[in-house]
């Protein structure tokens, strides 16, 4: 069909090319694979092992919740690629657009979980992020606490890829966007579910338990996208000017009482 010189229905367009996770064009490697140069965290928690950043928490020496902070800047719009593996029971995640601040007066007062949670999207029950006694922040490591956005991760894939906002401060929004959700955040309102990307079962088909998983975070303006193993897991549009952050620190997390978490191949591209 043609109209005023333009013809429609006759052009066949090729589908978009799939992004190659190993394509690092424009990226900078922010972990050298051998040392913790340009990273800051508790020296008795974080180490380099077999080309990966590693942290462990054990019942005989529980770490609780603590972070390793990248000292290279405070990215605003960026892409971050890394591989992550979690063995054991607990949580981890990647902080971004965050700030380094010691927990407030509620520090250490919440037992068995992450504490404050944001209101769930429509049709979703409120729930916490696990009952590890060791998830309470350890007072030894308060100075490395981070507040802000987190690309979440757990050992089972039930929470991997969701957006969590925390840091043990009053007013934190907690879990805002669960795996498979496209959510809008607005001032003074609960999270609004705009659409569904996939079911949790569908997303977990690509998740590798006790093995390396590829994490790709894309942040542009107030839109935050989390991708795991090539699958889009969550998208959040943060339209709350009173709570959102437009730049900030990047950090790695360990949370729990009996786990080992490893990170490798960490690449950052400022947009």
Protein backbone atom coordinates (compact mmCIF):
# COMPACT_ATOMS: atom_id res chain seq x y z
CA UNK A 1 0.00 0.00 0.00
CA UNK A 2 1.29 3.41 -0.96
CA UNK A 3 0.21 6.85 0.25
CA UNK A 4 1.63 10.19 -0.93
CA UNK A 5 4.77 8.51 -2.13
CA UNK A 6 5.33 6.26 0.89
CA UNK A 7 4.80 2.51 0.63
CA UNK A 8 4.05 0.27 3.59
CA UNK A 9 4.03 -3.46 4.16
CA UNK A 10 6.75 -4.21 1.65
CA UNK A 11 9.86 -3.65 3.78
CA UNK A 12 11.10 -6.58 5.82
CA UNK A 13 13.29 -5.45 8.69
CA UNK A 14 15.82 -7.72 10.34
CA UNK A 15 15.25 -8.36 14.07
CA UNK A 16 17.48 -6.47 16.52
CA UNK A 17 20.88 -8.04 17.04
CA UNK A 18 21.31 -9.83 20.35
CA UNK A 19 23.81 -8.06 22.61
CA UNK A 20 26.99 -10.04 23.13
CA UNK A 21 27.72 -10.10 26.87
CA UNK A 22 31.43 -10.48 26.09
CA UNK A 23 31.49 -7.37 23.88
CA UNK A 24 33.30 -4.75 25.99
CA UNK A 25 33.47 -1.99 23.40
CA UNK A 26 33.45 1.30 25.31
CA UNK A 27 33.73 -0.46 28.66
CA UNK A 28 36.50 -0.14 31.25
CA UNK A 29 37.53 -3.10 33.40
CA UNK A 30 37.19 -1.95 37.01
CA UNK A 31 38.53 -5.14 38.63
CA UNK A 32 41.98 -6.23 37.49
CA UNK A 33 41.45 -9.89 38.39
CA UNK A 34 44.38 -9.97 40.80
CA UNK A 35 44.08 -7.24 43.46
CA UNK A 36 41.49 -5.08 45.23
CA UNK A 37 43.13 -1.91 43.95
CA UNK A 38 40.54 0.90 43.80
CA UNK A 39 38.12 -1.04 46.00
CA UNK A 40 37.43 -0.47 49.70
CA UNK A 41 35.94 -2.92 52.17
CA UNK A 42 36.69 -4.96 55.28
CA UNK A 43 40.02 -6.69 54.67
CA UNK A 44 38.98 -9.72 56.72
CA UNK A 45 35.89 -10.22 54.54
CA UNK A 46 36.93 -9.47 50.94
CA UNK A 47 39.76 -11.15 49.04
CA UNK A 48 40.82 -12.15 45.52
CA UNK A 49 40.74 -15.84 44.69
CA UNK A 50 41.23 -17.47 41.28
CA UNK A 51 40.61 -14.22 39.42
CA UNK A 52 37.47 -13.33 41.36
CA UNK A 53 36.49 -11.03 44.22
CA UNK A 54 35.31 -13.31 47.02
CA UNK A 55 33.60 -12.87 50.39
CA UNK A 56 32.50 -15.55 52.86
CA UNK A 57 30.28 -15.65 55.92
CA UNK A 58 30.23 -18.73 58.14
CA UNK A 59 28.30 -19.66 61.31
CA UNK A 60 31.52 -19.53 63.32
CA UNK A 61 32.26 -16.06 61.92
CA UNK A 62 29.10 -14.48 60.51
CA UNK A 63 29.68 -11.37 58.46
CA UNK A 64 26.08 -10.15 58.31
CA UNK A 65 25.64 -7.41 55.69
CA UNK A 66 28.59 -5.50 54.35
CA UNK A 67 29.83 -4.01 51.09
CA UNK A 68 32.92 -3.61 48.94
CA UNK A 69 32.91 -0.10 47.45
CA UNK A 70 34.44 0.87 44.10
CA UNK A 71 36.48 4.05 44.49
CA UNK A 72 36.65 5.00 40.81
CA UNK A 73 33.74 7.42 40.68
CA UNK A 74 29.99 7.90 41.00
CA UNK A 75 28.42 6.85 37.70
CA UNK A 76 25.17 8.42 36.55
CA UNK A 77 24.07 6.82 33.26
CA UNK A 78 26.01 3.62 32.65
CA UNK A 79 26.12 -0.06 31.79
CA UNK A 80 27.71 -2.56 34.15
CA UNK A 81 28.55 -6.14 33.26
CA UNK A 82 29.84 -8.80 35.63
CA UNK A 83 29.60 -12.46 36.52
CA UNK A 84 28.39 -13.54 39.95
CA UNK A 85 28.21 -16.86 41.80
CA UNK A 86 26.63 -17.51 45.20
CA UNK A 87 27.13 -20.75 47.10
CA UNK A 88 25.18 -21.38 50.30
CA UNK A 89 22.23 -19.63 51.90
CA UNK A 90 21.99 -15.88 51.78
CA UNK A 91 21.85 -12.88 49.50
CA UNK A 92 24.10 -10.63 47.52
CA UNK A 93 23.72 -7.84 45.02
CA UNK A 94 25.26 -4.93 43.18
CA UNK A 95 24.73 -1.44 44.55
CA UNK A 96 24.65 1.56 42.21
CA UNK A 97 23.82 5.26 42.45
CA UNK A 98 24.36 4.71 46.17
CA UNK A 99 25.90 6.68 49.02
CA UNK A 100 28.26 5.56 51.75
CA UNK A 101 26.61 6.25 55.11
CA UNK A 102 26.57 4.40 58.40
CA UNK A 103 23.19 2.86 59.26
CA UNK A 104 20.85 5.09 61.21
CA UNK A 105 19.38 4.50 64.66
CA UNK A 106 17.47 1.44 63.43
CA UNK A 107 20.81 -0.30 62.83
CA UNK A 108 20.90 -3.80 64.29
CA UNK A 109 17.34 -3.69 65.63
CA UNK A 110 15.66 -5.82 62.98
CA UNK A 111 15.87 -9.55 63.42
CA UNK A 112 15.71 -12.13 60.66
CA UNK A 113 15.46 -10.21 57.42
CA UNK A 114 15.94 -6.99 55.57
CA UNK A 115 13.54 -4.90 57.59
CA UNK A 116 11.48 -2.20 55.92
CA UNK A 117 9.97 -3.11 52.60
CA UNK A 118 8.23 -0.96 50.05
CA UNK A 119 4.57 -1.49 49.33
CA UNK A 120 4.17 -4.36 46.84
CA UNK A 121 2.77 -3.84 43.35
CA UNK A 122 -0.98 -4.53 42.87
CA UNK A 123 -1.93 -8.13 43.60
CA UNK A 124 1.36 -8.91 45.30
CA UNK A 125 1.69 -9.81 48.96
CA UNK A 126 4.24 -8.08 51.11
CA UNK A 127 7.19 -10.27 52.06
CA UNK A 128 10.73 -9.95 53.27
CA UNK A 129 14.00 -11.05 51.71
CA UNK A 130 14.94 -14.05 53.78
CA UNK A 131 15.27 -14.96 57.43
CA UNK A 132 19.00 -15.32 57.86
CA UNK A 133 19.95 -14.30 61.36
CA UNK A 134 23.27 -13.22 59.90
CA UNK A 135 21.56 -10.71 57.61
CA UNK A 136 21.64 -8.12 60.40
CA UNK A 137 24.52 -5.70 59.72
CA UNK A 138 27.64 -6.47 61.70
CA UNK A 139 28.74 -3.46 63.75
CA UNK A 140 32.36 -4.17 62.78
CA UNK A 141 31.55 -3.23 59.20
CA UNK A 142 29.24 -0.20 59.60
CA UNK A 143 31.66 2.17 57.85
CA UNK A 144 31.14 0.37 54.52
CA UNK A 145 27.34 0.51 54.55
CA UNK A 146 25.69 1.66 51.32
CA UNK A 147 22.27 3.20 50.83
CA UNK A 148 20.58 3.18 47.45
CA UNK A 149 19.57 1.04 44.48
CA UNK A 150 20.55 -2.61 44.42
CA UNK A 151 20.38 -5.15 41.63
CA UNK A 152 19.44 -8.02 43.91
CA UNK A 153 20.72 -11.59 43.84
CA UNK A 154 20.10 -14.78 45.78
CA UNK A 155 21.18 -18.42 45.66
CA UNK A 156 17.92 -19.80 44.26
CA UNK A 157 17.02 -17.23 41.61
CA UNK A 158 13.79 -16.31 43.38
CA UNK A 159 14.96 -12.73 43.91
CA UNK A 160 17.80 -12.45 41.41
CA UNK A 161 17.35 -9.44 39.17
CA UNK A 162 14.80 -7.58 41.25
CA UNK A 163 15.29 -3.97 42.37
CA UNK A 164 15.82 -3.38 46.08
CA UNK A 165 16.39 -0.04 47.72
CA UNK A 166 17.78 -0.08 51.21
CA UNK A 167 20.66 0.64 53.49
CA UNK A 168 18.91 0.56 56.88
CA UNK A 169 17.51 4.06 56.80
CA UNK A 170 14.01 5.32 57.68
CA UNK A 171 11.87 5.74 54.58
CA UNK A 172 13.73 3.26 52.40
CA UNK A 173 11.49 1.67 49.78
CA UNK A 174 12.77 -1.90 50.09
CA UNK A 175 11.78 -4.25 47.28
CA UNK A 176 10.10 -2.18 44.59
CA UNK A 177 10.32 -4.37 41.49
CA UNK A 178 10.26 -8.15 41.65
CA UNK A 179 11.57 -10.50 38.93
CA UNK A 180 9.41 -10.32 35.82
CA UNK A 181 7.92 -6.89 36.57
CA UNK A 182 7.89 -3.47 34.89
CA UNK A 183 7.18 -0.97 37.67
CA UNK A 184 6.63 2.78 37.98
CA UNK A 185 7.61 4.59 41.20
CA UNK A 186 5.88 7.87 42.06
CA UNK A 187 6.07 10.23 44.99
CA UNK A 188 3.76 9.28 47.86
CA UNK A 189 2.31 6.26 46.03
CA UNK A 190 2.91 2.51 46.20
CA UNK A 191 4.78 0.95 43.27
CA UNK A 192 2.60 0.68 40.17
CA UNK A 193 2.81 -2.47 38.07
CA UNK A 194 2.87 -1.35 34.43
CA UNK A 195 3.32 -4.78 32.90
CA UNK A 196 4.76 -8.26 33.20
CA UNK A 197 7.93 -9.29 31.41
CA UNK A 198 7.91 -13.00 32.27
CA UNK A 199 6.93 -15.40 35.04
CA UNK A 200 9.41 -16.28 37.75
CA UNK A 201 9.48 -19.90 36.54
CA UNK A 202 10.38 -18.74 33.03
CA UNK A 203 13.19 -16.54 34.35
CA UNK A 204 14.56 -19.31 36.56
CA UNK A 205 14.95 -21.59 33.55
CA UNK A 206 18.03 -19.55 32.62
CA UNK A 207 19.35 -19.24 36.20
CA UNK A 208 22.34 -21.39 37.20
CA UNK A 209 22.30 -22.47 40.85
CA UNK A 210 25.73 -22.56 42.54
CA UNK A 211 27.33 -21.44 39.28
CA UNK A 212 28.31 -18.30 37.43
CA UNK A 213 25.52 -16.08 36.13
CA UNK A 214 25.91 -13.07 33.84
CA UNK A 215 24.53 -9.81 35.24
CA UNK A 216 24.02 -6.78 32.97
CA UNK A 217 22.69 -3.53 34.45
CA UNK A 218 21.58 -0.68 32.17
CA UNK A 219 20.82 2.70 33.80
CA UNK A 220 19.69 5.72 31.76
CA UNK A 221 17.99 8.69 33.35
CA UNK A 222 15.31 7.38 35.67
CA UNK A 223 15.00 4.00 33.95
CA UNK A 224 16.76 1.02 35.54
CA UNK A 225 16.98 -2.34 33.73
CA UNK A 226 18.39 -5.59 35.10
CA UNK A 227 19.36 -8.44 32.76
CA UNK A 228 20.47 -11.94 33.83
CA UNK A 229 21.95 -14.45 31.39
CA UNK A 230 20.54 -12.47 28.46
CA UNK A 231 17.01 -12.38 29.91
CA UNK A 232 15.41 -9.07 30.88
CA UNK A 233 14.37 -9.61 34.50
CA UNK A 234 13.08 -6.24 35.70
CA UNK A 235 12.56 -2.66 34.58
CA UNK A 236 11.91 0.24 36.94
CA UNK A 237 11.01 3.83 36.09
CA UNK A 238 11.68 5.99 39.14
CA UNK A 239 9.54 9.12 38.87
CA UNK A 240 9.87 10.01 42.56
CA UNK A 241 12.09 13.12 42.71
CA UNK A 242 12.22 12.98 46.52
CA UNK A 243 13.79 9.53 46.68
CA UNK A 244 15.53 8.70 43.42
CA UNK A 245 19.27 9.13 42.94
CA UNK A 246 20.77 10.21 39.61
CA UNK A 247 24.37 9.25 40.39
CA UNK A 248 26.33 7.50 43.10
CA UNK A 249 28.67 4.76 44.23
CA UNK A 250 28.96 1.21 42.89
CA UNK A 251 29.45 -1.60 45.39
CA UNK A 252 29.28 -5.36 45.89
CA UNK A 253 27.39 -6.98 48.75
CA UNK A 254 27.45 -10.05 50.94
CA UNK A 255 24.47 -10.70 53.20
CA UNK A 256 23.82 -13.73 55.35
CA UNK A 257 25.30 -16.17 57.80
CA UNK A 258 26.49 -19.11 55.72
CA UNK A 259 27.52 -18.39 52.15
CA UNK A 260 30.30 -17.61 49.71
CA UNK A 261 29.84 -15.05 46.97
CA UNK A 262 32.19 -14.41 44.05
CA UNK A 263 32.37 -11.69 41.39
CA UNK A 264 34.53 -11.60 38.25
CA UNK A 265 34.87 -9.89 34.86
CA UNK A 266 33.56 -6.54 36.07
CA UNK A 267 33.20 -3.96 33.28
CA UNK A 268 31.72 -0.45 33.37
CA UNK A 269 30.70 1.88 30.53
CA UNK A 270 29.67 5.46 31.25
CA UNK A 271 26.95 6.66 28.91
